[in-house]
């Protein structure tokens, strides 16, 4: 390797960027002309956006790579063979011409439709509310019994009496428009089922015209606890009411037994579930008449 090196004084020992030996030392080689410009290539026409290109599979050089469909050329449509064609349906006749409705008749129809719409909007909520009320309070079933005699319903025997009494208020003056009535109801449990039906009944006074008056409870001797309600023992309920004197001797007593049951040892949840699921309705009324 040492034999390949040149002598420092020889021409071959200079670097690549050194000027030739025959070039004058004071020669200026700086370029003073204009800067070069990139070539300008004219593009004729207007550029249009390129359509969709198919990426995969790679298209061949012979086929067109645009996915935009070409418009159909008239006269180039290929008809299907006869056995592939659907049978053509016969053309339906044109509909008959509609008769023009008069303006007065149109107004009548529009008014009738608006009236029926309003009537339906008012009647439907009322009908729904009446259905709910009727389900919760169905029509009463009346059982007529003579005053003083006993009637049995749901394992309980009922007996009712009614009598005139003077005004119970001390020092009260006679009032010709008011007649006080005392109602005595006697209940007797006939078995264990009757003993658990010890809740107070609803009692009202009524006349032949269907008018009703309230009867207020004064005393109820029925035991509140089921265990204390003895089977076969009569318990007395005293009530008092006021009616017009003209109907005092024709008054009837309406007694609606309670459907509530007090089962010993039953939880509150079970009692509520039974009250909701029971098929028994509060629609049985005993009518005690003279």
C-alpha atoms as a PDB file:
ATOM      1  CA  UNK A   1       0.000   0.000   0.000  1.00  0.00           C
ATOM      2  CA  UNK A   2       2.891   2.324   0.665  1.00  0.00           C
ATOM      3  CA  UNK A   3       4.064   1.985  -2.992  1.00  0.00           C
ATOM      4  CA  UNK A   4       0.667   3.309  -4.287  1.00  0.00           C
ATOM      5  CA  UNK A   5       0.953   6.744  -2.589  1.00  0.00           C
ATOM      6  CA  UNK A   6       2.102   9.648  -4.763  1.00  0.00           C
ATOM      7  CA  UNK A   7       4.741  12.165  -4.022  1.00  0.00           C
ATOM      8  CA  UNK A   8       3.290  15.362  -2.491  1.00  0.00           C
ATOM      9  CA  UNK A   9       4.885  17.435  -5.227  1.00  0.00           C
ATOM     10  CA  UNK A  10       3.382  15.439  -8.109  1.00  0.00           C
ATOM     11  CA  UNK A  11       0.155  16.575  -9.912  1.00  0.00           C
ATOM     12  CA  UNK A  12      -1.699  13.427  -8.840  1.00  0.00           C
ATOM     13  CA  UNK A  13      -1.354  14.272  -5.152  1.00  0.00           C
ATOM     14  CA  UNK A  14      -3.966  17.142  -5.354  1.00  0.00           C
ATOM     15  CA  UNK A  15      -7.614  16.621  -4.245  1.00  0.00           C
ATOM     16  CA  UNK A  16     -10.560  16.183  -6.567  1.00  0.00           C
ATOM     17  CA  UNK A  17     -11.868  19.752  -6.246  1.00  0.00           C
ATOM     18  CA  UNK A  18      -8.542  21.485  -7.108  1.00  0.00           C
ATOM     19  CA  UNK A  19      -8.493  23.445 -10.436  1.00  0.00           C
ATOM     20  CA  UNK A  20      -6.334  22.203 -13.321  1.00  0.00           C
ATOM     21  CA  UNK A  21      -2.697  23.191 -13.355  1.00  0.00           C
ATOM     22  CA  UNK A  22      -3.055  25.110 -16.599  1.00  0.00           C
ATOM     23  CA  UNK A  23      -5.887  27.352 -15.230  1.00  0.00           C
ATOM     24  CA  UNK A  24      -4.801  30.881 -14.252  1.00  0.00           C
ATOM     25  CA  UNK A  25      -4.940  31.542 -10.554  1.00  0.00           C
ATOM     26  CA  UNK A  26      -6.775  34.910 -10.898  1.00  0.00           C
ATOM     27  CA  UNK A  27      -9.604  33.558 -13.103  1.00  0.00           C
ATOM     28  CA  UNK A  28     -13.210  34.180 -11.718  1.00  0.00           C
ATOM     29  CA  UNK A  29     -15.437  31.173 -12.263  1.00  0.00           C
ATOM     30  CA  UNK A  30     -18.520  32.508 -10.346  1.00  0.00           C
ATOM     31  CA  UNK A  31     -21.913  32.098 -12.292  1.00  0.00           C
ATOM     32  CA  UNK A  32     -23.683  35.456 -12.706  1.00  0.00           C
ATOM     33  CA  UNK A  33     -26.552  34.503 -15.025  1.00  0.00           C
ATOM     34  CA  UNK A  34     -30.316  34.196 -14.207  1.00  0.00           C
ATOM     35  CA  UNK A  35     -31.415  31.368 -11.890  1.00  0.00           C
ATOM     36  CA  UNK A  36     -32.761  28.299 -13.666  1.00  0.00           C
ATOM     37  CA  UNK A  37     -36.561  27.897 -13.903  1.00  0.00           C
ATOM     38  CA  UNK A  38     -38.499  24.613 -13.934  1.00  0.00           C
ATOM     39  CA  UNK A  39     -39.947  23.677 -17.301  1.00  0.00           C
ATOM     40  CA  UNK A  40     -43.612  24.715 -17.857  1.00  0.00           C
ATOM     41  CA  UNK A  41     -45.795  21.963 -19.326  1.00  0.00           C
ATOM     42  CA  UNK A  42     -49.126  23.270 -20.688  1.00  0.00           C
ATOM     43  CA  UNK A  43     -52.243  21.161 -19.760  1.00  0.00           C
ATOM     44  CA  UNK A  44     -55.054  21.557 -22.324  1.00  0.00           C
ATOM     45  CA  UNK A  45     -58.749  21.493 -21.340  1.00  0.00           C
ATOM     46  CA  UNK A  46     -60.316  21.378 -17.845  1.00  0.00           C
ATOM     47  CA  UNK A  47     -59.332  18.861 -15.172  1.00  0.00           C
ATOM     48  CA  UNK A  48     -62.135  16.548 -14.056  1.00  0.00           C
ATOM     49  CA  UNK A  49     -62.260  14.467 -10.864  1.00  0.00           C
ATOM     50  CA  UNK A  50     -61.135  10.925 -11.387  1.00  0.00           C
ATOM     51  CA  UNK A  51     -63.833   8.308 -10.806  1.00  0.00           C
ATOM     52  CA  UNK A  52     -63.656   5.374  -8.381  1.00  0.00           C
ATOM     53  CA  UNK A  53     -60.785   3.018  -9.097  1.00  0.00           C
ATOM     54  CA  UNK A  54     -60.870  -0.678  -8.444  1.00  0.00           C
ATOM     55  CA  UNK A  55     -58.066  -1.641  -6.058  1.00  0.00           C
ATOM     56  CA  UNK A  56     -58.582  -5.351  -5.652  1.00  0.00           C
ATOM     57  CA  UNK A  57     -58.433  -7.529  -7.621  1.00  0.00           C
ATOM     58  CA  UNK A  58     -55.992  -5.624  -9.819  1.00  0.00           C
ATOM     59  CA  UNK A  59     -57.606  -4.721 -13.175  1.00  0.00           C
ATOM     60  CA  UNK A  60     -56.032  -5.801 -16.399  1.00  0.00           C
ATOM     61  CA  UNK A  61     -54.620  -3.297 -18.831  1.00  0.00           C
ATOM     62  CA  UNK A  62     -57.341  -4.010 -21.391  1.00  0.00           C
ATOM     63  CA  UNK A  63     -60.405  -3.336 -19.205  1.00  0.00           C
ATOM     64  CA  UNK A  64     -61.643   0.029 -17.973  1.00  0.00           C
ATOM     65  CA  UNK A  65     -60.994   0.636 -14.266  1.00  0.00           C
ATOM     66  CA  UNK A  66     -63.833   3.133 -13.677  1.00  0.00           C
ATOM     67  CA  UNK A  67     -66.761   1.873 -11.564  1.00  0.00           C
ATOM     68  CA  UNK A  68     -69.167   4.616 -12.656  1.00  0.00           C
ATOM     69  CA  UNK A  69     -71.750   2.961 -14.943  1.00  0.00           C
ATOM     70  CA  UNK A  70     -71.986   4.182 -18.514  1.00  0.00           C
ATOM     71  CA  UNK A  71     -75.379   5.357 -19.789  1.00  0.00           C
ATOM     72  CA  UNK A  72     -77.328   2.864 -21.820  1.00  0.00           C
ATOM     73  CA  UNK A  73     -76.954   3.206 -25.560  1.00  0.00           C
ATOM     74  CA  UNK A  74     -80.304   3.110 -27.404  1.00  0.00           C
ATOM     75  CA  UNK A  75     -80.808   0.045 -29.523  1.00  0.00           C
ATOM     76  CA  UNK A  76     -78.261  -2.147 -27.694  1.00  0.00           C
ATOM     77  CA  UNK A  77     -80.606  -3.748 -25.120  1.00  0.00           C
ATOM     78  CA  UNK A  78     -80.664  -7.543 -25.228  1.00  0.00           C
ATOM     79  CA  UNK A  79     -84.114  -9.059 -24.801  1.00  0.00           C
ATOM     80  CA  UNK A  80     -84.553 -12.172 -22.631  1.00  0.00           C
ATOM     81  CA  UNK A  81     -85.797 -15.369 -24.223  1.00  0.00           C
ATOM     82  CA  UNK A  82     -89.546 -15.892 -24.189  1.00  0.00           C
ATOM     83  CA  UNK A  83     -89.481 -18.627 -21.522  1.00  0.00           C
ATOM     84  CA  UNK A  84     -87.722 -16.223 -19.075  1.00  0.00           C
ATOM     85  CA  UNK A  85     -90.178 -13.374 -19.480  1.00  0.00           C
ATOM     86  CA  UNK A  86     -93.076 -12.759 -17.115  1.00  0.00           C
ATOM     87  CA  UNK A  87     -96.513 -12.783 -18.698  1.00  0.00           C
ATOM     88  CA  UNK A  88     -97.724  -9.229 -19.161  1.00  0.00           C
ATOM     89  CA  UNK A  89    -100.932  -8.371 -17.311  1.00  0.00           C
ATOM     90  CA  UNK A  90    -103.841  -6.940 -19.237  1.00  0.00           C
ATOM     91  CA  UNK A  91    -104.161  -3.221 -18.882  1.00  0.00           C
ATOM     92  CA  UNK A  92    -106.845  -2.268 -16.346  1.00  0.00           C
ATOM     93  CA  UNK A  93    -109.598   0.022 -17.579  1.00  0.00           C
ATOM     94  CA  UNK A  94    -109.312   3.626 -16.446  1.00  0.00           C
ATOM     95  CA  UNK A  95    -111.308   4.478 -13.290  1.00  0.00           C
ATOM     96  CA  UNK A  96    -114.592   6.245 -13.831  1.00  0.00           C
ATOM     97  CA  UNK A  97    -114.552   9.967 -13.461  1.00  0.00           C
ATOM     98  CA  UNK A  98    -115.385  11.169  -9.926  1.00  0.00           C
ATOM     99  CA  UNK A  99    -118.382  13.349  -9.475  1.00  0.00           C
ATOM    100  CA  UNK A 100    -117.632  16.786  -8.160  1.00  0.00           C
ATOM    101  CA  UNK A 101    -119.094  17.268  -4.661  1.00  0.00           C
ATOM    102  CA  UNK A 102    -120.987  20.453  -4.021  1.00  0.00           C
ATOM    103  CA  UNK A 103    -119.559  22.959  -1.568  1.00  0.00           C
ATOM    104  CA  UNK A 104    -122.581  22.795   0.730  1.00  0.00           C
ATOM    105  CA  UNK A 105    -122.445  19.018   1.019  1.00  0.00           C
ATOM    106  CA  UNK A 106    -118.718  19.157   1.682  1.00  0.00           C
ATOM    107  CA  UNK A 107    -119.271  21.594   4.551  1.00  0.00           C
ATOM    108  CA  UNK A 108    -121.958  19.351   6.016  1.00  0.00           C
ATOM    109  CA  UNK A 109    -119.645  16.323   5.923  1.00  0.00           C
ATOM    110  CA  UNK A 110    -116.757  18.243   7.469  1.00  0.00           C
ATOM    111  CA  UNK A 111    -119.005  19.568  10.217  1.00  0.00           C
ATOM    112  CA  UNK A 112    -120.409  16.103  10.947  1.00  0.00           C
ATOM    113  CA  UNK A 113    -116.884  14.623  11.146  1.00  0.00           C
ATOM    114  CA  UNK A 114    -115.723  17.358  13.531  1.00  0.00           C
ATOM    115  CA  UNK A 115    -118.809  16.847  15.731  1.00  0.00           C
ATOM    116  CA  UNK A 116    -118.287  13.079  15.872  1.00  0.00           C
ATOM    117  CA  UNK A 117    -114.603  13.563  16.745  1.00  0.00           C
ATOM    118  CA  UNK A 118    -115.443  15.891  19.629  1.00  0.00           C
ATOM    119  CA  UNK A 119    -118.202  13.580  20.845  1.00  0.00           C
ATOM    120  CA  UNK A 120    -115.838  10.586  20.787  1.00  0.00           C
ATOM    121  CA  UNK A 121    -113.133  12.552  22.646  1.00  0.00           C
ATOM    122  CA  UNK A 122    -115.649  13.384  25.396  1.00  0.00           C
ATOM    123  CA  UNK A 123    -117.497  10.074  25.538  1.00  0.00           C
ATOM    124  CA  UNK A 124    -114.510   7.698  25.626  1.00  0.00           C
ATOM    125  CA  UNK A 125    -112.992   8.972  28.924  1.00  0.00           C
ATOM    126  CA  UNK A 126    -116.462   8.974  30.501  1.00  0.00           C
ATOM    127  CA  UNK A 127    -117.123   5.430  29.300  1.00  0.00           C
ATOM    128  CA  UNK A 128    -113.740   4.252  30.597  1.00  0.00           C
ATOM    129  CA  UNK A 129    -114.294   5.908  33.996  1.00  0.00           C
ATOM    130  CA  UNK A 130    -117.755   4.342  34.245  1.00  0.00           C
ATOM    131  CA  UNK A 131    -116.283   0.918  33.439  1.00  0.00           C
ATOM    132  CA  UNK A 132    -113.703   1.303  36.205  1.00  0.00           C
ATOM    133  CA  UNK A 133    -116.394   2.450  38.650  1.00  0.00           C
ATOM    134  CA  UNK A 134    -118.704  -0.376  37.662  1.00  0.00           C
ATOM    135  CA  UNK A 135    -115.908  -2.928  38.171  1.00  0.00           C
ATOM    136  CA  UNK A 136    -115.146  -1.530  41.620  1.00  0.00           C
ATOM    137  CA  UNK A 137    -118.831  -1.031  42.513  1.00  0.00           C
ATOM    138  CA  UNK A 138    -120.982  -3.396  40.434  1.00  0.00           C
ATOM    139  CA  UNK A 139    -124.813  -3.172  40.473  1.00  0.00           C
ATOM    140  CA  UNK A 140    -126.347  -4.249  43.754  1.00  0.00           C
ATOM    141  CA  UNK A 141    -128.174  -7.541  44.222  1.00  0.00           C
ATOM    142  CA  UNK A 142    -131.092  -6.862  46.580  1.00  0.00           C
ATOM    143  CA  UNK A 143    -132.388  -9.568  48.956  1.00  0.00           C
ATOM    144  CA  UNK A 144    -135.713  -8.526  50.521  1.00  0.00           C
ATOM    145  CA  UNK A 145    -136.329  -9.567  54.137  1.00  0.00           C
ATOM    146  CA  UNK A 146    -139.158  -8.618  56.511  1.00  0.00           C
ATOM    147  CA  UNK A 147    -138.232  -6.441  59.482  1.00  0.00           C
ATOM    148  CA  UNK A 148    -137.860  -8.500  62.641  1.00  0.00           C
ATOM    149  CA  UNK A 149    -136.950 -11.710  60.814  1.00  0.00           C
ATOM    150  CA  UNK A 150    -133.423 -13.138  60.342  1.00  0.00           C
ATOM    151  CA  UNK A 151    -131.562 -13.439  57.043  1.00  0.00           C
ATOM    152  CA  UNK A 152    -128.344 -15.420  56.515  1.00  0.00           C
ATOM    153  CA  UNK A 153    -125.516 -14.259  54.263  1.00  0.00           C
ATOM    154  CA  UNK A 154    -121.918 -15.522  54.170  1.00  0.00           C
ATOM    155  CA  UNK A 155    -122.116 -17.592  57.388  1.00  0.00           C
ATOM    156  CA  UNK A 156    -123.632 -14.707  59.393  1.00  0.00           C
ATOM    157  CA  UNK A 157    -127.245 -14.312  60.527  1.00  0.00           C
ATOM    158  CA  UNK A 158    -128.672 -10.774  60.416  1.00  0.00           C
ATOM    159  CA  UNK A 159    -131.808  -9.401  62.107  1.00  0.00           C
ATOM    160  CA  UNK A 160    -133.042  -5.777  61.918  1.00  0.00           C
ATOM    161  CA  UNK A 161    -135.740  -3.712  63.654  1.00  0.00           C
ATOM    162  CA  UNK A 162    -136.746  -0.024  63.237  1.00  0.00           C
ATOM    163  CA  UNK A 163    -138.793   2.243  65.543  1.00  0.00           C
ATOM    164  CA  UNK A 164    -139.684   5.921  66.042  1.00  0.00           C
ATOM    165  CA  UNK A 165    -137.968   7.756  68.884  1.00  0.00           C
ATOM    166  CA  UNK A 166    -138.163  11.350  70.144  1.00  0.00           C
ATOM    167  CA  UNK A 167    -135.368  13.840  69.512  1.00  0.00           C
ATOM    168  CA  UNK A 168    -132.480  12.610  71.712  1.00  0.00           C
ATOM    169  CA  UNK A 169    -131.129  16.136  72.242  1.00  0.00           C
ATOM    170  CA  UNK A 170    -131.958  17.309  75.803  1.00  0.00           C
ATOM    171  CA  UNK A 171    -134.567  20.090  75.843  1.00  0.00           C
ATOM    172  CA  UNK A 172    -135.140  19.884  72.085  1.00  0.00           C
ATOM    173  CA  UNK A 173    -138.452  21.213  70.788  1.00  0.00           C
ATOM    174  CA  UNK A 174    -140.573  19.048  68.487  1.00  0.00           C
ATOM    175  CA  UNK A 175    -139.767  19.563  64.784  1.00  0.00           C
ATOM    176  CA  UNK A 176    -142.604  18.637  62.376  1.00  0.00           C
ATOM    177  CA  UNK A 177    -140.104  18.213  59.490  1.00  0.00           C
ATOM    178  CA  UNK A 178    -137.818  15.679  61.236  1.00  0.00           C
ATOM    179  CA  UNK A 179    -138.493  12.229  62.654  1.00  0.00           C
ATOM    180  CA  UNK A 180    -135.789  10.350  64.550  1.00  0.00           C
ATOM    181  CA  UNK A 181    -135.489   6.610  63.974  1.00  0.00           C
ATOM    182  CA  UNK A 182    -133.646   3.970  66.008  1.00  0.00           C
ATOM    183  CA  UNK A 183    -132.287   0.955  64.099  1.00  0.00           C
ATOM    184  CA  UNK A 184    -131.216  -2.195  65.920  1.00  0.00           C
ATOM    185  CA  UNK A 185    -129.077  -4.747  64.030  1.00  0.00           C
ATOM    186  CA  UNK A 186    -128.273  -8.150  65.541  1.00  0.00           C
ATOM    187  CA  UNK A 187    -125.517 -10.281  64.031  1.00  0.00           C
ATOM    188  CA  UNK A 188    -124.685 -13.895  64.877  1.00  0.00           C
ATOM    189  CA  UNK A 189    -121.729 -15.897  63.528  1.00  0.00           C
ATOM    190  CA  UNK A 190    -122.925 -19.356  62.488  1.00  0.00           C
ATOM    191  CA  UNK A 191    -119.458 -20.945  62.158  1.00  0.00           C
ATOM    192  CA  UNK A 192    -115.727 -20.138  62.108  1.00  0.00           C
ATOM    193  CA  UNK A 193    -116.033 -18.445  58.710  1.00  0.00           C
ATOM    194  CA  UNK A 194    -118.746 -16.185  60.079  1.00  0.00           C
ATOM    195  CA  UNK A 195    -116.590 -15.341  63.106  1.00  0.00           C
ATOM    196  CA  UNK A 196    -113.795 -13.892  60.949  1.00  0.00           C
ATOM    197  CA  UNK A 197    -116.351 -11.687  59.140  1.00  0.00           C
ATOM    198  CA  UNK A 198    -116.860  -9.415  62.129  1.00  0.00           C
ATOM    199  CA  UNK A 199    -116.414  -6.013  60.464  1.00  0.00           C
ATOM    200  CA  UNK A 200    -119.260  -3.476  60.675  1.00  0.00           C
ATOM    201  CA  UNK A 201    -121.806  -3.401  57.820  1.00  0.00           C
ATOM    202  CA  UNK A 202    -123.019  -0.338  55.924  1.00  0.00           C
ATOM    203  CA  UNK A 203    -126.551   0.687  56.940  1.00  0.00           C
ATOM    204  CA  UNK A 204    -128.857   3.220  55.243  1.00  0.00           C
ATOM    205  CA  UNK A 205    -132.546   4.163  55.425  1.00  0.00           C
ATOM    206  CA  UNK A 206    -134.645   4.340  52.259  1.00  0.00           C
ATOM    207  CA  UNK A 207    -138.235   4.832  51.106  1.00  0.00           C
ATOM    208  CA  UNK A 208    -140.288   3.607  48.162  1.00  0.00           C
ATOM    209  CA  UNK A 209    -139.123   6.490  45.970  1.00  0.00           C
ATOM    210  CA  UNK A 210    -135.494   5.395  46.351  1.00  0.00           C
ATOM    211  CA  UNK A 211    -134.375   8.266  48.558  1.00  0.00           C
ATOM    212  CA  UNK A 212    -131.764   7.328  51.175  1.00  0.00           C
ATOM    213  CA  UNK A 213    -130.733   8.700  54.570  1.00  0.00           C
ATOM    214  CA  UNK A 214    -127.635   7.990  56.635  1.00  0.00           C
ATOM    215  CA  UNK A 215    -127.798   5.852  59.778  1.00  0.00           C
ATOM    216  CA  UNK A 216    -125.144   6.733  62.371  1.00  0.00           C
ATOM    217  CA  UNK A 217    -123.667   3.979  64.583  1.00  0.00           C
ATOM    218  CA  UNK A 218    -124.110   4.624  68.306  1.00  0.00           C
ATOM    219  CA  UNK A 219    -122.865   1.349  69.751  1.00  0.00           C
ATOM    220  CA  UNK A 220    -121.366  -1.844  68.300  1.00  0.00           C
ATOM    221  CA  UNK A 221    -121.016  -4.772  70.691  1.00  0.00           C
ATOM    222  CA  UNK A 222    -119.259  -7.007  68.154  1.00  0.00           C
ATOM    223  CA  UNK A 223    -115.780  -7.984  69.491  1.00  0.00           C
ATOM    224  CA  UNK A 224    -112.924  -6.495  67.491  1.00  0.00           C
ATOM    225  CA  UNK A 225    -110.731  -9.595  67.903  1.00  0.00           C
ATOM    226  CA  UNK A 226    -111.670 -12.741  66.020  1.00  0.00           C
ATOM    227  CA  UNK A 227    -110.838 -14.997  68.979  1.00  0.00           C
ATOM    228  CA  UNK A 228    -113.398 -13.148  71.099  1.00  0.00           C
ATOM    229  CA  UNK A 229    -116.175 -13.439  68.520  1.00  0.00           C
ATOM    230  CA  UNK A 230    -118.043 -16.489  69.759  1.00  0.00           C
ATOM    231  CA  UNK A 231    -119.973 -18.662  67.355  1.00  0.00           C
ATOM    232  CA  UNK A 232    -123.750 -18.626  67.968  1.00  0.00           C
ATOM    233  CA  UNK A 233    -123.625 -15.536  70.222  1.00  0.00           C
ATOM    234  CA  UNK A 234    -125.755 -12.547  69.012  1.00  0.00           C
ATOM    235  CA  UNK A 235    -124.061  -9.129  69.070  1.00  0.00           C
ATOM    236  CA  UNK A 236    -126.074  -5.923  68.900  1.00  0.00           C
ATOM    237  CA  UNK A 237    -125.403  -2.815  66.808  1.00  0.00           C
ATOM    238  CA  UNK A 238    -127.439   0.355  67.603  1.00  0.00           C
ATOM    239  CA  UNK A 239    -127.867   3.068  64.950  1.00  0.00           C
ATOM    240  CA  UNK A 240    -129.844   6.297  64.681  1.00  0.00           C
ATOM    241  CA  UNK A 241    -131.131   8.342  61.736  1.00  0.00           C
ATOM    242  CA  UNK A 242    -133.523  11.137  60.748  1.00  0.00           C
ATOM    243  CA  UNK A 243    -136.233  10.872  58.066  1.00  0.00           C
ATOM    244  CA  UNK A 244    -139.294  12.928  57.027  1.00  0.00           C
ATOM    245  CA  UNK A 245    -142.301  12.132  59.254  1.00  0.00           C
ATOM    246  CA  UNK A 246    -144.431  11.195  56.212  1.00  0.00           C
ATOM    247  CA  UNK A 247    -142.254   8.132  55.439  1.00  0.00           C
ATOM    248  CA  UNK A 248    -141.291   7.107  58.982  1.00  0.00           C
ATOM    249  CA  UNK A 249    -143.785   4.188  58.992  1.00  0.00           C
ATOM    250  CA  UNK A 250    -142.772   3.072  55.487  1.00  0.00           C
ATOM    251  CA  UNK A 251    -139.031   3.207  55.949  1.00  0.00           C
ATOM    252  CA  UNK A 252    -136.828   0.280  54.873  1.00  0.00           C
ATOM    253  CA  UNK A 253    -133.330  -0.566  56.092  1.00  0.00           C
ATOM    254  CA  UNK A 254    -130.556  -1.356  53.599  1.00  0.00           C
ATOM    255  CA  UNK A 255    -127.776  -3.494  55.121  1.00  0.00           C
ATOM    256  CA  UNK A 256    -124.604  -4.203  53.107  1.00  0.00           C
ATOM    257  CA  UNK A 257    -122.413  -6.838  54.864  1.00  0.00           C
ATOM    258  CA  UNK A 258    -118.665  -6.274  54.736  1.00  0.00           C
ATOM    259  CA  UNK A 259    -116.625  -8.722  52.616  1.00  0.00           C
ATOM    260  CA  UNK A 260    -113.463  -8.212  54.718  1.00  0.00           C
ATOM    261  CA  UNK A 261    -112.121 -11.289  56.514  1.00  0.00           C
ATOM    262  CA  UNK A 262    -109.876 -11.291  59.593  1.00  0.00           C
ATOM    263  CA  UNK A 263    -108.033 -14.629  59.380  1.00  0.00           C
ATOM    264  CA  UNK A 264    -106.085 -15.399  62.603  1.00  0.00           C
ATOM    265  CA  UNK A 265    -102.312 -15.599  62.037  1.00  0.00           C
ATOM    266  CA  UNK A 266    -102.479 -14.200  58.489  1.00  0.00           C
ATOM    267  CA  UNK A 267     -99.824 -11.634  57.587  1.00  0.00           C
ATOM    268  CA  UNK A 268    -100.643  -8.182  56.288  1.00  0.00           C
ATOM    269  CA  UNK A 269     -99.223  -8.980  52.831  1.00  0.00           C
ATOM    270  CA  UNK A 270    -101.324 -12.131  52.544  1.00  0.00           C
ATOM    271  CA  UNK A 271    -104.423 -10.204  53.634  1.00  0.00           C
ATOM    272  CA  UNK A 272    -103.821  -7.515  51.000  1.00  0.00           C
ATOM    273  CA  UNK A 273    -103.213 -10.141  48.301  1.00  0.00           C
ATOM    274  CA  UNK A 274    -106.467 -11.898  49.195  1.00  0.00           C
ATOM    275  CA  UNK A 275    -108.379  -8.613  49.088  1.00  0.00           C
ATOM    276  CA  UNK A 276    -107.081  -7.965  45.555  1.00  0.00           C
ATOM    277  CA  UNK A 277    -107.491 -11.474  44.129  1.00  0.00           C
ATOM    278  CA  UNK A 278    -110.837 -12.386  45.692  1.00  0.00           C
ATOM    279  CA  UNK A 279    -113.769 -12.806  43.322  1.00  0.00           C
ATOM    280  CA  UNK A 280    -116.280 -11.720  45.981  1.00  0.00           C
ATOM    281  CA  UNK A 281    -117.797  -8.301  45.301  1.00  0.00           C
ATOM    282  CA  UNK A 282    -119.373  -5.771  47.621  1.00  0.00           C
ATOM    283  CA  UNK A 283    -122.693  -5.968  45.772  1.00  0.00           C
ATOM    284  CA  UNK A 284    -124.978  -7.978  48.090  1.00  0.00           C
ATOM    285  CA  UNK A 285    -127.574  -5.921  50.001  1.00  0.00           C
ATOM    286  CA  UNK A 286    -130.198  -7.090  52.485  1.00  0.00           C
ATOM    287  CA  UNK A 287    -133.336  -4.903  52.309  1.00  0.00           C
ATOM    288  CA  UNK A 288    -135.416  -5.140  55.485  1.00  0.00           C
ATOM    289  CA  UNK A 289    -138.964  -3.819  54.913  1.00  0.00           C
ATOM    290  CA  UNK A 290    -142.210  -3.750  56.883  1.00  0.00           C
END
